[in-house]
Amino acid sequence: MPIPDNRAPLKKYIWLLIILNGLDGILTYLGLSQGLVTEANPLLSSFAPFTILGIKLFLSICLFGLLFTTFAGIRKTFWRYTFIFANVLYTMILVLHMYWLPFLFI
């Protein structure tokens, strides 16, 4: 009898990254367009707010596409920890967004 593999596939980590990346894009767009924040990512800082939003949403769509490939079913520890790290990083970025978000409504 084979031993069951209890490690979770990557789907839930990919879904979370899609949501976090999309939220980051929307909140960054709002903050940049209102002049409340500046883009901290040097790769994106030279783009207009709407372009940054488009890039972020495009990346979320690409991640969504991963859900329909065999990659999402991989149970390798390396990829699981890579996605966990990315999700933790994006969560910390969203916590930073929560600092200035109330200023949108003042």
N, C-alpha and C. Protein backbone atom coordinates (compact mmCIF):
# COMPACT_ATOMS: atom_id res chain seq x y z
N MET A 1 0.85 -1.19 0.00
CA MET A 1 0.00 0.00 0.00
C MET A 1 0.89 1.24 0.00
N PRO A 2 0.68 2.18 -0.95
CA PRO A 2 1.53 3.38 -1.01
C PRO A 2 1.25 4.33 0.15
N ILE A 3 2.27 5.04 0.54
CA ILE A 3 2.14 6.04 1.60
C ILE A 3 1.56 7.31 0.99
N PRO A 4 0.47 7.85 1.56
CA PRO A 4 -0.14 9.06 0.97
C PRO A 4 0.79 10.27 1.14
N ASP A 5 0.77 11.12 0.14
CA ASP A 5 1.57 12.34 0.16
C ASP A 5 0.70 13.46 0.72
N ASN A 6 0.98 13.90 1.93
CA ASN A 6 0.14 14.89 2.61
C ASN A 6 0.51 16.33 2.27
N ARG A 7 1.56 16.52 1.50
CA ARG A 7 1.91 17.89 1.13
C ARG A 7 0.86 18.44 0.15
N ALA A 8 0.46 19.66 0.38
CA ALA A 8 -0.59 20.26 -0.44
C ALA A 8 -0.05 20.66 -1.81
N PRO A 9 -0.86 20.51 -2.85
CA PRO A 9 -0.46 21.05 -4.14
C PRO A 9 -0.40 22.57 -4.07
N LEU A 10 0.06 23.17 -5.12
CA LEU A 10 0.32 24.61 -5.12
C LEU A 10 -0.91 25.47 -5.37
N LYS A 11 -2.05 24.89 -5.69
CA LYS A 11 -3.20 25.69 -6.10
C LYS A 11 -3.60 26.75 -5.09
N LYS A 12 -3.66 26.41 -3.82
CA LYS A 12 -4.10 27.40 -2.84
C LYS A 12 -3.08 28.53 -2.70
N TYR A 13 -1.80 28.21 -2.85
CA TYR A 13 -0.77 29.25 -2.78
C TYR A 13 -0.82 30.16 -4.01
N ILE A 14 -1.10 29.57 -5.16
CA ILE A 14 -1.23 30.36 -6.39
C ILE A 14 -2.45 31.27 -6.30
N TRP A 15 -3.58 30.74 -5.83
CA TRP A 15 -4.79 31.56 -5.68
C TRP A 15 -4.53 32.76 -4.77
N LEU A 16 -3.87 32.50 -3.65
CA LEU A 16 -3.58 33.58 -2.71
C LEU A 16 -2.68 34.62 -3.35
N LEU A 17 -1.68 34.18 -4.12
CA LEU A 17 -0.79 35.13 -4.78
C LEU A 17 -1.53 35.95 -5.84
N ILE A 18 -2.47 35.34 -6.53
CA ILE A 18 -3.28 36.07 -7.52
C ILE A 18 -4.04 37.19 -6.82
N ILE A 19 -4.67 36.87 -5.71
CA ILE A 19 -5.47 37.86 -4.98
C ILE A 19 -4.59 38.96 -4.41
N LEU A 20 -3.48 38.57 -3.77
CA LEU A 20 -2.60 39.57 -3.17
C LEU A 20 -1.96 40.48 -4.22
N ASN A 21 -1.55 39.91 -5.35
CA ASN A 21 -0.96 40.71 -6.42
C ASN A 21 -1.98 41.66 -7.02
N GLY A 22 -3.20 41.19 -7.23
CA GLY A 22 -4.26 42.06 -7.76
C GLY A 22 -4.59 43.19 -6.80
N LEU A 23 -4.71 42.88 -5.51
CA LEU A 23 -4.97 43.93 -4.52
C LEU A 23 -3.83 44.94 -4.46
N ASP A 24 -2.60 44.46 -4.54
CA ASP A 24 -1.46 45.36 -4.54
C ASP A 24 -1.52 46.29 -5.74
N GLY A 25 -1.87 45.76 -6.89
CA GLY A 25 -1.96 46.59 -8.08
C GLY A 25 -3.04 47.66 -7.96
N ILE A 26 -4.20 47.27 -7.48
CA ILE A 26 -5.31 48.23 -7.34
C ILE A 26 -4.98 49.29 -6.30
N LEU A 27 -4.45 48.88 -5.15
CA LEU A 27 -4.13 49.86 -4.11
C LEU A 27 -2.97 50.76 -4.51
N THR A 28 -1.99 50.20 -5.20
CA THR A 28 -0.88 51.03 -5.69
C THR A 28 -1.40 52.05 -6.69
N TYR A 29 -2.27 51.63 -7.57
CA TYR A 29 -2.86 52.57 -8.54
C TYR A 29 -3.58 53.71 -7.83
N LEU A 30 -4.40 53.36 -6.83
CA LEU A 30 -5.13 54.39 -6.10
C LEU A 30 -4.17 55.35 -5.39
N GLY A 31 -3.17 54.80 -4.74
CA GLY A 31 -2.21 55.64 -4.01
C GLY A 31 -1.39 56.53 -4.92
N LEU A 32 -0.96 55.98 -6.06
CA LEU A 32 -0.17 56.78 -7.00
C LEU A 32 -1.01 57.85 -7.68
N SER A 33 -2.22 57.51 -8.06
CA SER A 33 -3.06 58.48 -8.76
C SER A 33 -3.52 59.61 -7.85
N GLN A 34 -3.58 59.35 -6.54
CA GLN A 34 -3.95 60.40 -5.59
C GLN A 34 -2.73 61.14 -5.03
N GLY A 35 -1.54 60.70 -5.40
CA GLY A 35 -0.32 61.34 -4.94
C GLY A 35 0.03 61.03 -3.49
N LEU A 36 -0.50 59.95 -2.95
CA LEU A 36 -0.24 59.60 -1.55
C LEU A 36 1.04 58.80 -1.37
N VAL A 37 1.44 58.05 -2.39
CA VAL A 37 2.61 57.18 -2.29
C VAL A 37 3.46 57.32 -3.55
N THR A 38 4.65 56.77 -3.47
CA THR A 38 5.50 56.62 -4.64
C THR A 38 5.79 55.13 -4.81
N GLU A 39 6.04 54.73 -6.02
CA GLU A 39 6.34 53.33 -6.29
C GLU A 39 7.73 53.00 -5.78
N ALA A 40 7.83 52.01 -4.91
CA ALA A 40 9.11 51.63 -4.31
C ALA A 40 9.89 50.64 -5.18
N ASN A 41 9.20 49.96 -6.08
CA ASN A 41 9.86 48.99 -6.95
C ASN A 41 10.60 49.74 -8.05
N PRO A 42 11.93 49.65 -8.10
CA PRO A 42 12.68 50.40 -9.11
C PRO A 42 12.37 49.97 -10.54
N LEU A 43 11.89 48.75 -10.73
CA LEU A 43 11.54 48.30 -12.07
C LEU A 43 10.24 48.94 -12.56
N LEU A 44 9.37 49.33 -11.64
CA LEU A 44 8.08 49.89 -12.01
C LEU A 44 7.98 51.40 -11.79
N SER A 45 8.95 51.97 -11.12
CA SER A 45 8.82 53.37 -10.70
C SER A 45 8.77 54.36 -11.86
N SER A 46 9.26 53.99 -13.03
CA SER A 46 9.25 54.92 -14.15
C SER A 46 7.94 54.87 -14.95
N PHE A 47 7.04 53.96 -14.60
CA PHE A 47 5.78 53.83 -15.34
C PHE A 47 4.67 54.67 -14.73
N ALA A 48 3.68 54.96 -15.54
CA ALA A 48 2.49 55.68 -15.08
C ALA A 48 1.65 54.74 -14.20
N PRO A 49 0.83 55.30 -13.30
CA PRO A 49 0.02 54.45 -12.41
C PRO A 49 -0.86 53.44 -13.14
N PHE A 50 -1.48 53.85 -14.25
CA PHE A 50 -2.35 52.93 -14.98
C PHE A 50 -1.54 51.79 -15.61
N THR A 51 -0.33 52.09 -16.05
CA THR A 51 0.54 51.06 -16.62
C THR A 51 0.94 50.04 -15.55
N ILE A 52 1.24 50.53 -14.35
CA ILE A 52 1.58 49.63 -13.24
C ILE A 52 0.40 48.72 -12.92
N LEU A 53 -0.79 49.30 -12.89
CA LEU A 53 -1.99 48.49 -12.66
C LEU A 53 -2.14 47.43 -13.74
N GLY A 54 -1.94 47.81 -14.98
CA GLY A 54 -2.03 46.85 -16.09
C GLY A 54 -1.01 45.73 -15.98
N ILE A 55 0.21 46.06 -15.60
CA ILE A 55 1.25 45.05 -15.43
C ILE A 55 0.87 44.09 -14.31
N LYS A 56 0.42 44.63 -13.18
CA LYS A 56 0.04 43.79 -12.05
C LYS A 56 -1.14 42.88 -12.42
N LEU A 57 -2.13 43.41 -13.09
CA LEU A 57 -3.28 42.58 -13.46
C LEU A 57 -2.89 41.53 -14.50
N PHE A 58 -1.98 41.89 -15.41
CA PHE A 58 -1.48 40.92 -16.38
C PHE A 58 -0.75 39.77 -15.68
N LEU A 59 0.07 40.11 -14.68
CA LEU A 59 0.77 39.07 -13.93
C LEU A 59 -0.21 38.18 -13.17
N SER A 60 -1.28 38.77 -12.66
CA SER A 60 -2.31 37.96 -11.98
C SER A 60 -2.99 37.01 -12.96
N ILE A 61 -3.23 37.47 -14.18
CA ILE A 61 -3.84 36.61 -15.20
C ILE A 61 -2.89 35.48 -15.57
N CYS A 62 -1.60 35.79 -15.66
CA CYS A 62 -0.61 34.74 -15.94
C CYS A 62 -0.58 33.70 -14.82
N LEU A 63 -0.63 34.17 -13.58
CA LEU A 63 -0.68 33.23 -12.46
C LEU A 63 -1.96 32.39 -12.51
N PHE A 64 -3.06 33.01 -12.90
CA PHE A 64 -4.32 32.28 -13.04
C PHE A 64 -4.18 31.17 -14.07
N GLY A 65 -3.45 31.45 -15.13
CA GLY A 65 -3.21 30.43 -16.15
C GLY A 65 -2.45 29.23 -15.61
N LEU A 66 -1.59 29.46 -14.62
CA LEU A 66 -0.85 28.35 -14.01
C LEU A 66 -1.77 27.33 -13.35
N LEU A 67 -2.93 27.79 -12.92
CA LEU A 67 -3.87 26.88 -12.26
C LEU A 67 -4.35 25.76 -13.18
N PHE A 68 -4.28 25.98 -14.48
CA PHE A 68 -4.79 25.01 -15.44
C PHE A 68 -3.67 24.19 -16.07
N THR A 69 -2.48 24.25 -15.48
CA THR A 69 -1.37 23.45 -15.96
C THR A 69 -1.04 22.38 -14.92
N THR A 70 -0.17 21.48 -15.30
CA THR A 70 0.26 20.45 -14.35
C THR A 70 1.14 21.03 -13.25
N PHE A 71 1.66 22.23 -13.46
CA PHE A 71 2.52 22.86 -12.44
C PHE A 71 1.76 23.05 -11.13
N ALA A 72 0.49 23.36 -11.19
CA ALA A 72 -0.30 23.61 -9.98
C ALA A 72 -0.45 22.36 -9.12
N GLY A 73 -0.24 21.21 -9.69
CA GLY A 73 -0.36 19.97 -8.94
C GLY A 73 0.95 19.46 -8.38
N ILE A 74 2.02 20.20 -8.62
CA ILE A 74 3.33 19.79 -8.11
C ILE A 74 3.32 19.80 -6.59
N ARG A 75 3.97 18.83 -6.02
CA ARG A 75 4.04 18.73 -4.56
C ARG A 75 5.48 18.89 -4.06
N LYS A 76 6.31 19.56 -4.81
CA LYS A 76 7.70 19.77 -4.41
C LYS A 76 7.78 20.82 -3.32
N THR A 77 8.58 20.55 -2.32
CA THR A 77 8.74 21.46 -1.19
C THR A 77 9.32 22.80 -1.62
N PHE A 78 10.27 22.77 -2.57
CA PHE A 78 10.89 24.01 -3.03
C PHE A 78 9.86 25.00 -3.55
N TRP A 79 8.97 24.53 -4.41
CA TRP A 79 7.97 25.43 -5.00
C TRP A 79 6.95 25.89 -3.97
N ARG A 80 6.59 24.99 -3.06
CA ARG A 80 5.65 25.37 -2.01
C ARG A 80 6.23 26.50 -1.17
N TYR A 81 7.48 26.36 -0.74
CA TYR A 81 8.11 27.40 0.06
C TYR A 81 8.34 28.69 -0.73
N THR A 82 8.59 28.57 -2.02
CA THR A 82 8.75 29.76 -2.87
C THR A 82 7.45 30.55 -2.91
N PHE A 83 6.33 29.87 -3.08
CA PHE A 83 5.04 30.56 -3.10
C PHE A 83 4.65 31.08 -1.73
N ILE A 84 4.99 30.34 -0.68
CA ILE A 84 4.72 30.83 0.67
C ILE A 84 5.51 32.11 0.92
N PHE A 85 6.78 32.14 0.52
CA PHE A 85 7.61 33.34 0.67
C PHE A 85 7.01 34.51 -0.09
N ALA A 86 6.58 34.28 -1.34
CA ALA A 86 5.98 35.35 -2.13
C ALA A 86 4.70 35.86 -1.48
N ASN A 87 3.89 34.96 -0.94
CA ASN A 87 2.65 35.36 -0.28
C ASN A 87 2.92 36.16 0.98
N VAL A 88 3.92 35.76 1.75
CA VAL A 88 4.28 36.51 2.96
C VAL A 88 4.78 37.90 2.57
N LEU A 89 5.60 37.97 1.53
CA LEU A 89 6.11 39.26 1.07
C LEU A 89 4.97 40.18 0.63
N TYR A 90 4.05 39.67 -0.16
CA TYR A 90 2.92 40.48 -0.60
C TYR A 90 2.00 40.87 0.56
N THR A 91 1.87 40.00 1.54
CA THR A 91 1.08 40.34 2.72
C THR A 91 1.71 41.51 3.46
N MET A 92 3.04 41.51 3.59
CA MET A 92 3.73 42.62 4.24
C MET A 92 3.56 43.91 3.44
N ILE A 93 3.57 43.81 2.12
CA ILE A 93 3.35 44.99 1.28
C ILE A 93 1.93 45.52 1.49
N LEU A 94 0.96 44.63 1.59
CA LEU A 94 -0.42 45.07 1.82
C LEU A 94 -0.59 45.69 3.20
N VAL A 95 0.17 45.25 4.18
CA VAL A 95 0.15 45.89 5.49
C VAL A 95 0.66 47.32 5.37
N LEU A 96 1.69 47.53 4.55
CA LEU A 96 2.17 48.90 4.30
C LEU A 96 1.09 49.74 3.62
N HIS A 97 0.33 49.14 2.72
CA HIS A 97 -0.77 49.86 2.07
C HIS A 97 -1.83 50.28 3.09
N MET A 98 -2.05 49.45 4.08
CA MET A 98 -3.04 49.78 5.11
C MET A 98 -2.66 51.03 5.90
N TYR A 99 -1.39 51.38 5.92
CA TYR A 99 -0.94 52.58 6.63
C TYR A 99 -1.47 53.85 5.96
N TRP A 100 -1.35 53.93 4.62
CA TRP A 100 -1.76 55.15 3.93
C TRP A 100 -3.19 55.09 3.40
N LEU A 101 -3.80 53.92 3.36
CA LEU A 101 -5.14 53.78 2.80
C LEU A 101 -6.17 54.71 3.43
N PRO A 102 -6.17 54.93 4.75
CA PRO A 102 -7.17 55.85 5.32
C PRO A 102 -7.07 57.28 4.77
N PHE A 103 -5.91 57.68 4.30
CA PHE A 103 -5.74 59.03 3.76
C PHE A 103 -6.52 59.25 2.45
N LEU A 104 -6.95 58.17 1.80
CA LEU A 104 -7.78 58.30 0.61
C LEU A 104 -9.14 58.91 0.93
N PHE A 105 -9.57 58.74 2.17
CA PHE A 105 -10.92 59.15 2.52
C PHE A 105 -10.96 60.42 3.36
N ILE A 106 -9.84 61.10 3.47
CA ILE A 106 -9.79 62.35 4.23
C ILE A 106 -10.03 63.52 3.29
